[in-house]
Protein backbone atom coordinates (compact mmCIF):
# COMPACT_ATOMS: atom_id res chain seq x y z
CA MET A 1 -260.45 209.78 -64.73
CA TRP A 2 -262.95 210.02 -61.53
CA ALA A 3 -266.02 211.40 -63.21
CA LEU A 4 -265.33 208.61 -65.79
CA THR A 5 -265.63 206.15 -63.03
CA ALA A 6 -268.83 208.14 -61.19
CA LEU A 7 -270.12 207.59 -64.40
CA LEU A 8 -269.54 203.82 -64.80
CA LEU A 9 -270.77 202.97 -61.05
CA LEU A 10 -274.21 205.05 -62.10
CA ALA A 11 -274.68 203.08 -64.59
CA THR A 12 -274.39 199.77 -62.59
CA LEU A 13 -276.48 200.62 -60.20
CA GLU A 14 -279.79 198.30 -59.31
CA LYS A 15 -282.90 199.20 -57.94
CA PRO A 16 -284.12 199.63 -54.87
CA ILE A 17 -285.86 196.86 -53.29
CA LEU A 18 -289.12 198.04 -51.83
CA SER A 19 -290.84 195.37 -49.42
CA LEU A 20 -294.10 195.58 -47.96
CA HIS A 21 -295.01 194.72 -44.21
CA PRO A 22 -297.49 192.63 -43.67
CA PRO A 23 -296.96 191.39 -47.15
CA TRP A 24 -300.57 191.62 -48.36
CA THR A 25 -302.00 193.89 -51.10
CA THR A 26 -305.23 194.36 -49.88
CA ILE A 27 -306.25 195.82 -46.41
CA PHE A 28 -309.29 197.08 -44.68
CA LYS A 29 -309.80 200.67 -44.35
CA GLY A 30 -308.50 202.42 -41.57
CA GLU A 31 -305.70 200.15 -41.35
CA ARG A 32 -301.79 200.95 -42.37
CA VAL A 33 -298.96 199.04 -43.48
CA THR A 34 -295.51 199.87 -43.78
CA LEU A 35 -293.35 200.45 -47.32
CA LYS A 36 -289.61 200.25 -46.94
CA CYS A 37 -286.81 200.97 -49.60
CA ASP A 38 -284.03 199.31 -49.50
CA GLY A 39 -281.26 200.94 -51.65
CA TYR A 40 -278.10 202.41 -51.43
CA HIS A 41 -275.38 204.92 -53.31
CA PRO A 42 -271.62 203.58 -53.39
CA LEU A 43 -270.34 207.09 -54.00
CA LEU A 44 -272.16 208.75 -51.24
CA LEU A 45 -272.15 205.87 -49.15
CA GLU A 46 -269.44 207.16 -46.47
CA LEU A 47 -270.90 210.47 -46.98
CA ARG A 48 -274.33 211.03 -45.00
CA PRO A 49 -277.28 208.95 -45.24
CA ILE A 50 -278.89 208.48 -48.20
CA SER A 51 -282.59 210.14 -48.78
CA THR A 52 -285.08 207.93 -50.45
CA LEU A 53 -287.94 209.42 -52.70
CA TRP A 54 -291.39 207.85 -52.73
CA TYR A 55 -294.19 208.00 -55.26
CA LEU A 56 -298.21 207.32 -55.17
CA GLY A 57 -298.66 207.00 -58.43
CA HIS A 58 -297.00 210.18 -60.12
CA LEU A 59 -297.20 212.67 -57.06
CA LEU A 60 -294.00 212.86 -54.75
CA LEU A 61 -294.62 212.21 -51.49
CA PRO A 62 -292.94 214.74 -48.84
CA SER A 63 -291.23 211.97 -46.83
CA HIS A 64 -287.90 211.30 -47.23
CA LYS A 65 -287.03 208.17 -44.57
CA LYS A 66 -286.05 204.47 -45.95
CA SER A 67 -289.74 203.53 -44.85
CA ILE A 68 -292.97 205.20 -44.08
CA GLU A 69 -296.77 203.85 -43.21
CA VAL A 70 -299.33 204.51 -46.05
CA GLN A 71 -303.09 203.54 -45.76
CA THR A 72 -304.12 205.16 -49.01
CA PRO A 73 -305.09 202.78 -51.80
CA GLY A 74 -302.43 203.04 -55.47
CA VAL A 75 -299.47 202.09 -57.07
CA TYR A 76 -296.52 203.21 -54.83
CA ARG A 77 -292.49 203.46 -55.72
CA CYS A 78 -289.11 204.22 -54.00
CA GLN A 79 -286.30 205.71 -55.59
CA THR A 80 -282.90 206.46 -53.70
CA ARG A 81 -280.66 208.88 -55.13
CA GLY A 82 -278.79 208.07 -58.62
CA ALA A 83 -280.46 205.30 -58.93
CA PRO A 84 -283.40 203.80 -60.91
CA VAL A 85 -287.03 204.00 -59.75
CA SER A 86 -288.00 200.38 -58.03
CA ASP A 87 -290.72 198.53 -58.39
CA PRO A 88 -294.16 198.86 -58.11
CA ILE A 89 -296.48 197.81 -54.95
CA HIS A 90 -300.01 198.10 -55.98
CA LEU A 91 -302.19 198.56 -52.71
CA SER A 92 -306.05 197.74 -52.07
CA VAL A 93 -308.49 199.36 -49.60
CA SER A 94 -311.63 197.65 -48.84
CA ASN A 95 -314.74 198.38 -47.33
CA ASP A 96 -316.18 194.07 -47.07
CA TRP A 97 -316.87 192.00 -44.70
CA LEU A 98 -313.80 189.73 -46.39
CA ILE A 99 -311.37 190.50 -48.17
CA LEU A 100 -309.11 188.06 -50.04
CA GLN A 101 -304.87 188.37 -49.32
CA VAL A 102 -302.07 187.47 -51.73
CA PRO A 103 -298.44 188.19 -51.11
CA TYR A 104 -296.96 191.27 -53.06
CA THR A 105 -293.92 189.19 -54.10
CA PRO A 106 -294.24 187.04 -57.51
CA VAL A 107 -295.09 183.64 -57.43
CA PHE A 108 -292.92 181.16 -59.45
CA GLU A 109 -293.28 177.78 -60.29
CA GLY A 110 -292.29 175.45 -57.84
CA GLU A 111 -292.62 177.61 -54.92
CA PRO A 112 -295.20 178.00 -52.40
CA LEU A 113 -298.80 180.17 -52.92
CA VAL A 114 -300.37 181.31 -49.77
CA LEU A 115 -303.61 183.02 -49.85
CA ARG A 116 -305.41 184.41 -46.78
CA CYS A 117 -309.32 184.88 -46.24
CA ARG A 118 -309.51 187.75 -43.56
CA GLY A 119 -312.43 188.60 -42.13
CA TRP A 120 -313.21 192.53 -41.08
CA TYR A 121 -310.82 193.50 -38.41
CA ASP A 122 -309.71 189.81 -37.95
CA LYS A 123 -313.06 188.31 -37.13
CA VAL A 124 -313.68 184.42 -37.32
CA ILE A 125 -314.76 183.24 -40.82
CA TYR A 126 -316.61 179.95 -40.61
CA LYS A 127 -317.80 177.36 -42.83
CA LEU A 128 -314.51 179.27 -45.59
CA HIS A 129 -314.39 177.89 -49.19
CA TYR A 130 -311.75 178.98 -51.49
CA TYR A 131 -312.32 178.73 -54.90
CA HIS A 132 -310.20 178.98 -58.34
CA ASP A 133 -311.97 180.44 -61.33
CA GLY A 134 -315.33 179.07 -60.23
CA GLN A 135 -314.77 176.27 -58.76
CA ALA A 136 -313.98 175.26 -54.64
CA VAL A 137 -310.95 173.90 -54.38
CA ARG A 138 -310.86 174.02 -50.21
CA TYR A 139 -313.09 174.22 -47.43
CA PHE A 140 -312.04 174.91 -43.62
CA HIS A 141 -314.29 174.95 -40.65
CA SER A 142 -313.34 178.52 -39.58
CA SER A 143 -310.70 180.44 -40.79
CA ALA A 144 -307.18 179.01 -42.69
CA ASN A 145 -304.98 179.95 -45.20
CA TYR A 146 -305.24 178.37 -48.49
CA THR A 147 -301.75 176.73 -49.39
CA VAL A 148 -300.25 175.69 -52.84
CA LEU A 149 -296.91 173.83 -51.72
CA GLN A 150 -295.26 173.94 -55.06
CA ALA A 151 -297.74 176.01 -57.55
CA ARG A 152 -297.82 175.80 -61.41
CA ALA A 153 -298.57 177.41 -64.42
CA SER A 154 -302.23 176.06 -64.13
CA ASP A 155 -302.97 177.39 -60.44
CA SER A 156 -303.06 180.71 -61.93
CA GLY A 157 -306.42 182.45 -62.18
CA ARG A 158 -308.78 184.45 -60.36
CA TYR A 159 -309.30 183.29 -56.49
CA GLN A 160 -312.29 184.61 -54.12
CA CYS A 161 -313.19 182.86 -50.72
CA SER A 162 -316.73 182.86 -48.85
CA GLY A 163 -318.14 182.18 -45.32
CA THR A 164 -320.09 183.22 -42.86
CA MET A 165 -319.35 185.11 -39.29
CA ARG A 166 -320.98 185.70 -35.83
CA ILE A 167 -321.87 189.31 -35.67
CA PRO A 168 -323.37 188.28 -33.04
CA VAL A 169 -325.29 185.91 -34.66
CA GLU A 170 -323.99 183.56 -37.50
CA SER A 171 -324.39 185.41 -40.64
CA ALA A 172 -325.64 184.50 -44.28
CA PRO A 173 -322.46 183.34 -46.57
CA MET A 174 -320.32 186.32 -47.45
CA PHE A 175 -318.00 186.51 -50.51
CA SER A 176 -314.43 188.60 -51.16
CA ALA A 177 -313.78 190.32 -54.22
CA LYS A 178 -311.71 188.33 -56.88
CA VAL A 179 -308.17 188.48 -56.89
CA ALA A 180 -305.82 187.79 -60.34
CA VAL A 181 -303.08 185.67 -59.09
CA THR A 182 -300.40 184.69 -61.80
CA VAL A 183 -297.84 182.17 -61.38
CA GLN A 184 -294.72 183.04 -63.42
CA ALA A 185 -291.85 180.73 -64.87
CA ALA A 186 -289.64 178.99 -62.53
CA ARG A 187 -286.48 181.38 -61.72
CA CYS A 188 -283.88 179.35 -63.20
CA ALA A 189 -285.46 178.69 -66.50
CA ALA A 190 -286.87 182.10 -66.93
CA SER A 191 -284.52 183.62 -69.00
CA THR A 192 -282.65 180.43 -71.14
CA GLY A 193 -285.72 178.03 -71.42
CA VAL A 194 -283.83 175.12 -69.45
CA LEU A 195 -282.48 174.28 -66.26
CA PRO A 196 -278.93 175.38 -65.91
CA TRP A 197 -277.65 172.17 -64.58
CA THR A 198 -278.86 170.62 -67.66
CA ARG A 199 -276.91 169.94 -71.31
CA PRO A 200 -278.68 168.24 -73.99
CA PRO A 201 -277.51 165.20 -75.71
CA PRO A 202 -275.51 165.59 -78.93
CA PRO A 203 -277.73 164.63 -82.46
CA PRO A 204 -278.47 160.67 -83.00
CA HIS A 205 -276.72 161.03 -86.25
CA GLU A 206 -272.63 162.61 -84.77
CA PRO A 207 -270.81 159.98 -82.52
CA GLN A 208 -270.17 160.71 -79.07
CA PRO A 209 -266.00 162.01 -78.80
CA TRP A 210 -265.42 159.99 -75.86
CA LEU A 211 -266.31 156.79 -78.35
CA LEU A 212 -264.12 158.09 -80.69
CA GLU A 213 -261.16 157.98 -78.10
CA THR A 214 -261.31 154.58 -75.98
CA SER A 215 -261.70 152.63 -79.23
CA ARG A 216 -258.06 152.95 -79.50
CA PHE A 217 -257.77 151.05 -76.44
CA SER A 218 -258.64 147.85 -74.62
CA SER A 219 -261.77 147.64 -73.02
CA GLU A 220 -259.87 146.51 -69.70
CA SER A 221 -257.90 149.72 -69.66
CA PRO A 222 -259.93 152.73 -70.66
CA ARG A 223 -258.80 155.95 -70.94
CA CYS A 224 -260.33 159.60 -70.16
CA PRO A 225 -259.90 161.91 -73.29
CA ASP A 226 -258.69 165.52 -73.51
CA ARG A 227 -261.23 167.59 -74.32
CA SER A 228 -259.28 170.88 -73.99
CA HIS A 229 -258.15 170.86 -77.70
CA ARG A 230 -259.83 168.80 -79.49
CA SER A 231 -260.93 169.34 -83.34
CA PRO A 232 -264.98 168.79 -83.70
CA PRO A 233 -265.07 165.05 -83.66
CA SER A 234 -265.75 163.95 -87.41
CA ARG A 235 -268.53 162.58 -88.64
CA ALA A 236 -267.31 158.73 -89.99
CA PRO A 237 -268.43 155.70 -88.66
CA LEU A 238 -267.35 154.47 -85.27
CA PRO A 239 -264.45 151.94 -85.79
CA PRO A 240 -264.48 148.82 -84.21
CA ILE A 241 -264.27 148.96 -80.24
CA CYS A 242 -261.63 146.42 -79.09
CA SER A 243 -263.15 144.13 -76.92
CA SER A 244 -260.01 142.11 -75.33
CA ARG A 245 -256.78 142.78 -74.61
CA ARG A 246 -255.46 140.52 -77.41
CA ALA A 247 -256.95 142.76 -80.09
CA ALA A 248 -254.42 145.82 -78.70
CA PRO A 249 -251.57 144.70 -80.71
CA ARG A 250 -253.09 144.43 -84.11
CA LEU A 251 -254.47 148.29 -83.34
CA LEU A 252 -251.57 149.52 -82.07
CA GLY A 253 -249.50 147.93 -84.74
CA HIS A 254 -246.68 149.98 -84.17
CA LEU A 255 -245.76 149.19 -80.79
CA PRO A 256 -243.71 146.11 -79.54
CA ALA A 257 -245.60 143.34 -78.16
CA LEU A 258 -247.10 143.58 -74.82
CA ARG A 259 -246.97 141.11 -72.04
CA GLN A 260 -248.49 140.94 -68.61
CA ARG A 261 -246.84 141.44 -65.08
CA PRO A 262 -248.63 138.51 -62.76
CA TRP A 263 -248.40 140.94 -59.88
CA ASN A 264 -250.95 143.35 -61.09
CA ASN A 265 -252.50 144.09 -64.49
CA ARG A 266 -250.80 146.78 -65.93
CA LEU A 267 -249.39 146.09 -69.44
CA GLU A 268 -245.65 147.31 -70.34
CA PRO A 269 -243.30 146.80 -72.85
């Protein structure tokens, strides 16, 4: 029994979460970034610390710590004991004067998209332009991030930045390498295609069930139908809807005549 429980727990383990600090996928040569692997093993959580496996491509790295510092370009992954391998992070290293930095996390529709044009070892960039698929989309007098507050699918494409730096005098315009950005479908609609809180309306030819129920009563005393135990609504034409209290005895002929109390609007036999 214990072995079966252990197998079930192993089968339900989730991938560890690999994060990058600072959160940019391109750095200058000689710089270091920190990778952190967040994961746990429920069977060993109380026994001993969980060791972590690190991969650079298909190469197993010697460290078993939860976080490591790296400066080598490539594809990084991590794994905790018994769990699947994490999603990858692609790290690029550049020797250019300018680099365009994009976040390592996926960008979804409706979320902010932040791009950062960075000069060699944080030198100030002047006459800064951002380009999207070859077209200039934003200009800044000096270093600044380009932000799309609510990204859309049309914001996907190849981005680039250009500008000048004073080294020590102002240089000619320099360009960064182009970086591909993909804006993914919104999180709530990625799997179903519709928002989770919406409900499609009934077909035009199908009568709405609450009209079938309320048509049996006066329009001044509507009742909410009980939908818990009801067969599918009939496709027959709708009966006429009562528009006054006087029509009620005709529809409910098996009931005695109704009279109205003077002190309220309730009907009783």
